[in-house]
Amino acid sequence: MRPDWAPDTIDVERPSVARMYDYYLGGSHNFAADRAAAGAMMAAVPEAPLMAQANRAFLRRAVHFLAESGVRQFLDIGSGIPTVGNVHEVAQRVAADSRVVYVDVDPVAVAHSREILARNDRAVVFQEDLRRPERILDHPDLHALLDLSEPVALMIVAVLHFVADDDRPAEILRTLRDALVPGSYLVLSQASDIGQYGDARADAERVYRNTDNPLILRDRAELTGFFDGFELVEPGLVWVPAWRPEFPEHAEDAARSGFLGGVGRLGG
């Protein structure tokens, strides 16, 4: 049975990376095909849900840091299906006047986000693809809420590993960066190294080849290059549990998170 919240346009038999991520985080906006694919990933890498949780915790800490640093505008591309600790919840808890624009390619993520944001006039969501940055930057919903002549926090969290090299991710980031003014920030994380799990890398890549987006793992040097034009704030590009952890013990064995992440400030 297709639930009421599922748009008629989606193929419920094909796994979606957004809905698999929702499943890892304990959400309910996923289908049997998503759960089966997520199960195959967890068979290869049992820590997959913990990886997703560590990445989500990094996003919350980064947003809290930026809001406390005075940032009041956030552009979250690849925002996914809403769960506890969304960008607007964290930012508006620090400063009620924070404004957030969410962008995602998955129609379930967009539909569910619209329900949550229906009564929040300082947050909006629209459907678009990160691989088309010009269309994101030209979207009227973005310009209705954000003033690009003022600093913006650009959030590219747990999404670039679904952008193939042929789609020129560095060029995408340059296009987005060039639309920002000095004092803006880039928050970026992506899956990097799961080689510590033996054959897990090949198994994970095999699972995601059957979804709407293949998995592309990138090393530290490649990810550092994505911060071109941005100065990394302390502690730099690190395994996500080690980025300004609330408790030092949370950073122990941080490499098992499989995600590298960092925050960079745009100079001028």
Protein backbone atom coordinates (compact mmCIF):
# COMPACT_ATOMS: atom_id res chain seq x y z
CA MET A 1 0.00 0.00 0.00
CA ARG A 2 1.26 3.46 -0.91
CA PRO A 3 1.00 5.70 2.21
CA ASP A 4 -0.74 9.07 2.01
CA TRP A 5 2.54 10.97 2.35
CA ALA A 6 4.13 9.31 -0.70
CA PRO A 7 3.82 11.36 -3.92
CA ASP A 8 2.37 9.44 -6.87
CA THR A 9 5.39 10.30 -8.99
CA ILE A 10 7.93 8.20 -7.08
CA ASP A 11 8.88 4.60 -7.75
CA VAL A 12 8.46 2.82 -4.42
CA GLU A 13 10.24 -0.26 -5.78
CA ARG A 14 13.55 1.56 -6.35
CA PRO A 15 15.62 2.39 -3.26
CA SER A 16 16.26 6.05 -2.53
CA VAL A 17 19.39 7.17 -0.70
CA ALA A 18 17.35 9.80 1.21
CA ARG A 19 14.89 7.19 2.44
CA MET A 20 17.70 4.75 3.29
CA TYR A 21 19.31 7.50 5.38
CA ASP A 22 15.95 8.09 7.04
CA TYR A 23 15.86 4.39 7.93
CA TYR A 24 19.39 4.49 9.40
CA LEU A 25 18.27 7.38 11.61
CA GLY A 26 15.21 5.49 12.83
CA GLY A 27 12.68 7.36 10.68
CA SER A 28 9.45 6.00 9.20
CA HIS A 29 9.39 7.65 5.76
CA ASN A 30 10.82 4.72 3.83
CA PHE A 31 9.56 1.75 1.83
CA ALA A 32 10.32 -1.96 1.74
CA ALA A 33 12.84 -1.47 -1.07
CA ASP A 34 14.66 1.20 0.96
CA ARG A 35 14.75 -1.01 4.05
CA ALA A 36 16.03 -3.97 2.04
CA ALA A 37 18.85 -1.90 0.55
CA ALA A 38 19.68 -0.41 3.94
CA GLY A 39 19.69 -3.92 5.38
CA ALA A 40 22.18 -5.03 2.73
CA MET A 41 24.39 -2.07 3.60
CA MET A 42 24.18 -2.89 7.30
CA ALA A 43 25.12 -6.49 6.56
CA ALA A 44 28.31 -5.19 4.94
CA VAL A 45 28.88 -2.39 7.46
CA PRO A 46 26.94 -3.00 10.71
CA GLU A 47 27.96 0.47 11.93
CA ALA A 48 26.07 2.18 9.09
CA PRO A 49 23.32 3.57 11.38
CA LEU A 50 25.95 4.84 13.82
CA MET A 51 27.75 6.52 10.91
CA ALA A 52 24.56 8.31 9.92
CA GLN A 53 23.94 9.37 13.52
CA ALA A 54 27.50 10.66 13.89
CA ASN A 55 27.10 12.70 10.72
CA ARG A 56 23.77 14.10 11.88
CA ALA A 57 25.32 15.08 15.22
CA PHE A 58 28.10 16.88 13.33
CA LEU A 59 25.48 18.88 11.42
CA ARG A 60 23.79 19.93 14.67
CA ARG A 61 27.07 21.01 16.28
CA ALA A 62 28.14 22.92 13.16
CA VAL A 63 24.83 24.80 12.95
CA HIS A 64 24.95 25.63 16.66
CA PHE A 65 28.52 26.94 16.26
CA LEU A 66 27.57 29.10 13.28
CA ALA A 67 24.41 30.47 14.88
CA GLU A 68 26.37 31.40 18.00
CA SER A 69 28.96 33.03 15.70
CA GLY A 70 26.27 35.34 14.32
CA VAL A 71 25.21 33.56 11.12
CA ARG A 72 21.50 34.04 10.50
CA GLN A 73 21.06 32.53 7.01
CA PHE A 74 21.40 28.86 6.13
CA LEU A 75 21.15 27.09 2.76
CA ASP A 76 20.95 23.32 3.28
CA ILE A 77 21.30 21.45 -0.03
CA GLY A 78 20.59 17.74 0.09
CA SER A 79 18.72 18.27 3.33
CA GLY A 80 17.00 14.88 3.28
CA ILE A 81 13.91 13.72 5.12
CA PRO A 82 13.37 15.80 8.27
CA THR A 83 14.32 14.27 11.58
CA VAL A 84 15.09 15.55 15.07
CA GLY A 85 17.68 18.33 15.07
CA ASN A 86 16.98 19.91 11.69
CA VAL A 87 18.91 23.04 10.77
CA HIS A 88 16.04 25.42 11.51
CA GLU A 89 15.39 23.83 14.91
CA VAL A 90 19.00 24.24 16.00
CA ALA A 91 19.55 27.69 14.50
CA GLN A 92 16.24 29.19 15.63
CA ARG A 93 16.82 27.87 19.14
CA VAL A 94 19.95 30.02 19.27
CA ALA A 95 18.48 32.96 17.35
CA ALA A 96 14.77 33.08 16.51
CA ASP A 97 15.38 35.29 13.47
CA SER A 98 17.51 32.65 11.70
CA ARG A 99 16.30 31.87 8.17
CA VAL A 100 16.72 28.49 6.51
CA VAL A 101 16.24 27.29 2.94
CA TYR A 102 16.18 23.54 2.41
CA VAL A 103 16.75 21.94 -0.99
CA ASP A 104 16.44 18.27 -1.88
CA VAL A 105 15.92 16.23 -5.02
CA ASP A 106 13.82 13.55 -3.29
CA PRO A 107 10.06 14.31 -3.48
CA VAL A 108 9.35 12.51 -0.20
CA ALA A 109 11.90 14.67 1.58
CA VAL A 110 10.38 17.82 0.10
CA ALA A 111 6.76 16.83 0.79
CA HIS A 112 7.45 15.91 4.41
CA SER A 113 9.54 19.06 4.94
CA ARG A 114 6.68 21.20 3.69
CA GLU A 115 4.37 19.67 6.28
CA ILE A 116 6.82 20.42 9.08
CA LEU A 117 7.53 23.97 7.90
CA ALA A 118 3.93 24.95 7.15
CA ARG A 119 3.76 27.36 10.11
CA ASN A 120 7.36 28.53 10.06
CA ASP A 121 7.71 31.71 8.01
CA ARG A 122 11.50 31.70 8.39
CA ALA A 123 12.10 28.36 6.69
CA VAL A 124 11.18 26.98 3.28
CA VAL A 125 11.91 23.95 1.12
CA PHE A 126 11.93 23.37 -2.62
CA GLN A 127 12.85 20.49 -4.91
CA GLU A 128 16.04 20.78 -6.93
CA ASP A 129 19.23 18.87 -7.66
CA LEU A 130 22.64 19.84 -6.28
CA ARG A 131 24.04 19.05 -9.71
CA ARG A 132 22.14 22.09 -11.03
CA PRO A 133 23.46 24.85 -8.76
CA GLU A 134 22.40 27.69 -11.04
CA ARG A 135 18.76 26.61 -10.75
CA ILE A 136 19.09 26.55 -6.97
CA LEU A 137 20.64 30.01 -6.87
CA ASP A 138 17.98 31.41 -9.23
CA HIS A 139 15.02 29.89 -7.41
CA PRO A 140 12.47 32.50 -6.25
CA ASP A 141 11.89 30.73 -2.92
CA LEU A 142 15.56 31.16 -2.08
CA HIS A 143 15.51 34.87 -2.88
CA ALA A 144 12.27 35.36 -0.97
CA LEU A 145 13.99 34.31 2.25
CA LEU A 146 17.75 34.78 1.92
CA ASP A 147 19.72 37.92 1.15
CA LEU A 148 22.84 36.80 -0.72
CA SER A 149 24.48 40.17 -0.07
CA GLU A 150 24.80 39.02 3.56
CA PRO A 151 26.72 35.97 4.87
CA VAL A 152 25.14 32.56 4.37
CA ALA A 153 26.05 29.16 5.78
CA LEU A 154 26.07 26.71 2.87
CA MET A 155 25.36 23.18 4.11
CA ILE A 156 26.53 20.30 1.89
CA VAL A 157 26.26 17.49 4.42
CA ALA A 158 26.34 13.78 3.54
CA VAL A 159 25.44 14.38 -0.10
CA LEU A 160 28.62 14.80 -2.20
CA HIS A 161 29.34 11.07 -2.08
CA PHE A 162 26.31 10.73 -4.35
CA VAL A 163 27.72 13.19 -6.91
CA ALA A 164 29.89 11.43 -9.48
CA ASP A 165 33.20 12.88 -10.64
CA ASP A 166 31.67 13.24 -14.12
CA ASP A 167 29.21 15.73 -12.60
CA ARG A 168 32.17 17.95 -11.59
CA PRO A 169 31.53 18.39 -7.85
CA ALA A 170 34.38 20.90 -7.45
CA GLU A 171 32.81 23.06 -10.19
CA ILE A 172 29.42 22.81 -8.47
CA LEU A 173 30.94 24.05 -5.22
CA ARG A 174 32.74 26.90 -6.99
CA THR A 175 29.46 28.04 -8.54
CA LEU A 176 27.80 28.07 -5.13
CA ARG A 177 30.82 29.70 -3.47
CA ASP A 178 30.92 32.49 -6.04
CA ALA A 179 27.35 33.44 -5.13
CA LEU A 180 28.35 34.02 -1.49
CA VAL A 181 29.89 37.07 0.14
CA PRO A 182 32.94 37.06 2.45
CA GLY A 183 32.05 35.92 5.94
CA SER A 184 29.91 33.09 4.59
CA TYR A 185 30.62 29.50 5.56
CA LEU A 186 30.72 26.06 3.98
CA VAL A 187 29.74 23.05 6.11
CA LEU A 188 30.70 19.87 4.29
CA SER A 189 30.87 16.18 5.09
CA GLN A 190 31.00 13.05 3.03
CA ALA A 191 31.72 9.33 3.32
CA SER A 192 35.43 8.84 2.96
CA ASP A 193 37.01 5.61 4.10
CA ILE A 194 35.36 2.39 5.17
CA GLY A 195 38.34 0.26 4.25
CA GLN A 196 38.75 -0.57 7.92
CA TYR A 197 35.82 -2.95 7.46
CA GLY A 198 37.67 -5.23 5.06
CA ASP A 199 35.59 -5.85 1.95
CA ALA A 200 32.97 -3.36 3.09
CA ARG A 201 33.87 -0.73 0.51
CA ALA A 202 33.17 -2.97 -2.46
CA ASP A 203 30.01 -4.31 -0.82
CA ALA A 204 28.73 -0.81 -0.02
CA GLU A 205 29.39 0.44 -3.54
CA ARG A 206 27.53 -2.62 -4.89
CA VAL A 207 24.48 -1.85 -2.71
CA TYR A 208 24.29 1.77 -3.82
CA ARG A 209 24.65 0.94 -7.51
CA ASN A 210 21.09 -0.40 -7.22
CA THR A 211 19.74 2.88 -5.84
CA ASP A 212 18.99 6.21 -7.47
CA ASN A 213 22.57 7.35 -6.68
CA PRO A 214 25.85 5.40 -6.66
CA LEU A 215 28.29 5.83 -3.76
CA ILE A 216 31.58 7.63 -4.45
CA LEU A 217 34.07 7.59 -1.58
CA ARG A 218 36.72 10.33 -1.56
CA ASP A 219 39.92 10.75 0.42
CA ARG A 220 41.05 13.64 2.62
CA ALA A 221 43.00 15.37 -0.16
CA GLU A 222 39.99 15.42 -2.47
CA LEU A 223 37.71 16.76 0.24
CA THR A 224 40.21 19.42 1.25
CA GLY A 225 40.12 20.64 -2.35
CA PHE A 226 36.38 21.22 -2.07
CA PHE A 227 37.11 23.96 0.50
CA ASP A 228 38.94 26.04 -2.12
CA GLY A 229 38.48 29.70 -1.17
CA PHE A 230 37.42 28.84 2.37
CA GLU A 231 39.64 28.86 5.44
CA LEU A 232 38.97 25.81 7.58
CA VAL A 233 38.07 26.65 11.16
CA GLU A 234 39.51 24.58 13.99
CA PRO A 235 39.84 21.62 14.18
CA GLY A 236 39.91 21.48 10.37
CA LEU A 237 38.80 18.54 8.24
CA VAL A 238 38.40 15.64 10.66
CA TRP A 239 36.35 12.52 11.27
CA VAL A 240 32.96 13.97 12.17
CA PRO A 241 32.80 12.80 15.82
CA ALA A 242 36.05 14.73 16.40
CA TRP A 243 34.65 18.06 15.14
CA ARG A 244 34.10 20.09 18.33
CA PRO A 245 32.58 17.18 20.29
CA GLU A 246 30.37 18.02 23.22
CA PHE A 247 32.17 15.38 25.25
CA PRO A 248 35.78 14.27 24.53
CA GLU A 249 34.90 10.61 24.81
CA HIS A 250 32.58 10.98 21.81
CA ALA A 251 35.66 11.52 19.63
CA GLU A 252 37.27 8.24 20.59
CA ASP A 253 37.77 5.90 17.64
CA ALA A 254 36.31 8.67 15.46
CA ALA A 255 37.54 7.10 12.23
CA ARG A 256 34.89 4.41 12.55
CA SER A 257 32.32 7.05 11.60
CA GLY A 258 33.51 6.78 7.98
CA PHE A 259 32.67 10.47 7.44
CA LEU A 260 35.08 13.37 7.17
CA GLY A 261 33.69 16.81 7.83
CA GLY A 262 34.70 20.40 8.32
CA VAL A 263 33.57 24.03 8.36
CA GLY A 264 35.26 26.71 6.26
CA ARG A 265 34.94 30.50 6.31
CA LEU A 266 34.96 32.45 3.05
CA GLY A 267 37.55 35.21 3.06
CA GLY A 268 37.50 38.37 1.09
